[in-house]
Amino acid sequence: MKLSARNQLPATVTAITEGPATANVELDCNGIRLVASITVEAAKELGLAPGTEVTAFVKASDVILGVAD
C-alpha cells in the first residue's frame, strides 16, 4: 500500500464503540490515546477488534493550538 500521508502512527486497537452508522475506534499509540471515527461498515470490513495492530494515517490541513491566558 502506498499513500501520500506522511503522518503514519503504528497503534493497537483498544476498544470499539459502535453507533448506528459510526464506530469510534480507540487506539493506543505508544501510550497516547487516539480515537478514530469511521463507519461501522469500514470497521467490519477491516476486521477491527481489540488487539488489532493498525496504522493510523493523519492527513490534516490545519492544526490549532491554544494556551491558557
C-alpha atoms as a PDB file:
ATOM      1  CA  MET A   1       0.000   0.000   0.000  1.00  0.00           C
ATOM      2  CA  LYS A   2       1.363   3.409  -0.956  1.00  0.00           C
ATOM      3  CA  LEU A   3      -0.137   6.612   0.445  1.00  0.00           C
ATOM      4  CA  SER A   4       0.799  10.272   0.268  1.00  0.00           C
ATOM      5  CA  ALA A   5       0.128  10.777   4.007  1.00  0.00           C
ATOM      6  CA  ARG A   6       3.400  11.137   5.881  1.00  0.00           C
ATOM      7  CA  ASN A   7       1.986  11.113   9.407  1.00  0.00           C
ATOM      8  CA  GLN A   8       1.771   7.361   9.937  1.00  0.00           C
ATOM      9  CA  LEU A   9       1.330   6.165  13.515  1.00  0.00           C
ATOM     10  CA  PRO A  10       1.522   2.480  14.433  1.00  0.00           C
ATOM     11  CA  ALA A  11      -1.156   1.701  17.023  1.00  0.00           C
ATOM     12  CA  THR A  12      -3.190  -1.033  18.681  1.00  0.00           C
ATOM     13  CA  VAL A  13      -6.985  -1.037  18.834  1.00  0.00           C
ATOM     14  CA  THR A  14      -8.042  -0.959  22.496  1.00  0.00           C
ATOM     15  CA  ALA A  15     -11.838  -0.578  22.150  1.00  0.00           C
ATOM     16  CA  ILE A  16     -14.589  -0.044  19.607  1.00  0.00           C
ATOM     17  CA  THR A  17     -17.883   1.704  20.326  1.00  0.00           C
ATOM     18  CA  GLU A  18     -20.419   1.237  17.543  1.00  0.00           C
ATOM     19  CA  GLY A  19     -23.345   3.545  16.916  1.00  0.00           C
ATOM     20  CA  PRO A  20     -25.962   3.201  14.180  1.00  0.00           C
ATOM     21  CA  ALA A  21     -23.549   4.371  11.461  1.00  0.00           C
ATOM     22  CA  THR A  22     -20.268   5.422  13.093  1.00  0.00           C
ATOM     23  CA  ALA A  23     -17.725   3.429  15.076  1.00  0.00           C
ATOM     24  CA  ASN A  24     -15.351   5.188  17.457  1.00  0.00           C
ATOM     25  CA  VAL A  25     -12.145   3.166  17.403  1.00  0.00           C
ATOM     26  CA  GLU A  26      -9.880   3.805  20.388  1.00  0.00           C
ATOM     27  CA  LEU A  27      -6.179   3.334  19.731  1.00  0.00           C
ATOM     28  CA  ASP A  28      -3.063   3.067  21.878  1.00  0.00           C
ATOM     29  CA  CYS A  29      -0.272   4.802  20.011  1.00  0.00           C
ATOM     30  CA  ASN A  30       2.822   4.193  22.131  1.00  0.00           C
ATOM     31  CA  GLY A  31       0.977   5.239  25.288  1.00  0.00           C
ATOM     32  CA  ILE A  32      -1.022   8.029  23.667  1.00  0.00           C
ATOM     33  CA  ARG A  33      -4.789   7.554  23.261  1.00  0.00           C
ATOM     34  CA  LEU A  34      -6.195   8.351  19.824  1.00  0.00           C
ATOM     35  CA  VAL A  35      -9.795   7.962  18.671  1.00  0.00           C
ATOM     36  CA  ALA A  36     -10.734   7.471  15.035  1.00  0.00           C
ATOM     37  CA  SER A  37     -14.346   7.873  13.898  1.00  0.00           C
ATOM     38  CA  ILE A  38     -15.062   5.622  10.925  1.00  0.00           C
ATOM     39  CA  THR A  39     -18.141   3.947   9.534  1.00  0.00           C
ATOM     40  CA  VAL A  40     -19.345   0.738  11.168  1.00  0.00           C
ATOM     41  CA  GLU A  41     -19.129  -0.878   7.726  1.00  0.00           C
ATOM     42  CA  ALA A  42     -15.439   0.086   7.404  1.00  0.00           C
ATOM     43  CA  ALA A  43     -14.650  -1.242  10.884  1.00  0.00           C
ATOM     44  CA  LYS A  44     -16.216  -4.581   9.970  1.00  0.00           C
ATOM     45  CA  GLU A  45     -14.514  -4.721   6.539  1.00  0.00           C
ATOM     46  CA  LEU A  46     -11.140  -4.116   8.220  1.00  0.00           C
ATOM     47  CA  GLY A  47     -11.847  -6.817  10.801  1.00  0.00           C
ATOM     48  CA  LEU A  48     -11.088  -4.446  13.662  1.00  0.00           C
ATOM     49  CA  ALA A  49     -11.237  -5.761  17.216  1.00  0.00           C
ATOM     50  CA  PRO A  50      -9.372  -5.001  20.437  1.00  0.00           C
ATOM     51  CA  GLY A  51      -5.759  -6.091  19.987  1.00  0.00           C
ATOM     52  CA  THR A  52      -5.681  -5.490  16.230  1.00  0.00           C
ATOM     53  CA  GLU A  53      -2.445  -3.819  15.101  1.00  0.00           C
ATOM     54  CA  VAL A  54      -3.186  -0.905  12.743  1.00  0.00           C
ATOM     55  CA  THR A  55      -1.524   2.147  11.252  1.00  0.00           C
ATOM     56  CA  ALA A  56      -3.293   5.475  11.796  1.00  0.00           C
ATOM     57  CA  PHE A  57      -2.775   7.905   8.931  1.00  0.00           C
ATOM     58  CA  VAL A  58      -3.268  11.582   9.765  1.00  0.00           C
ATOM     59  CA  LYS A  59      -3.951  13.994   6.935  1.00  0.00           C
ATOM     60  CA  ALA A  60      -4.958  17.483   8.043  1.00  0.00           C
ATOM     61  CA  SER A  61      -4.611  20.916   6.559  1.00  0.00           C
ATOM     62  CA  ASP A  62      -4.751  22.728   9.909  1.00  0.00           C
ATOM     63  CA  VAL A  63      -3.531  22.165  13.438  1.00  0.00           C
ATOM     64  CA  ILE A  64      -4.802  24.634  16.034  1.00  0.00           C
ATOM     65  CA  LEU A  65      -3.000  25.132  19.338  1.00  0.00           C
ATOM     66  CA  GLY A  66      -4.135  27.020  22.418  1.00  0.00           C
ATOM     67  CA  VAL A  67      -2.542  28.159  25.667  1.00  0.00           C
ATOM     68  CA  ALA A  68      -4.045  29.329  28.920  1.00  0.00           C
ATOM     69  CA  ASP A  69      -4.441  33.092  29.449  1.00  0.00           C
END
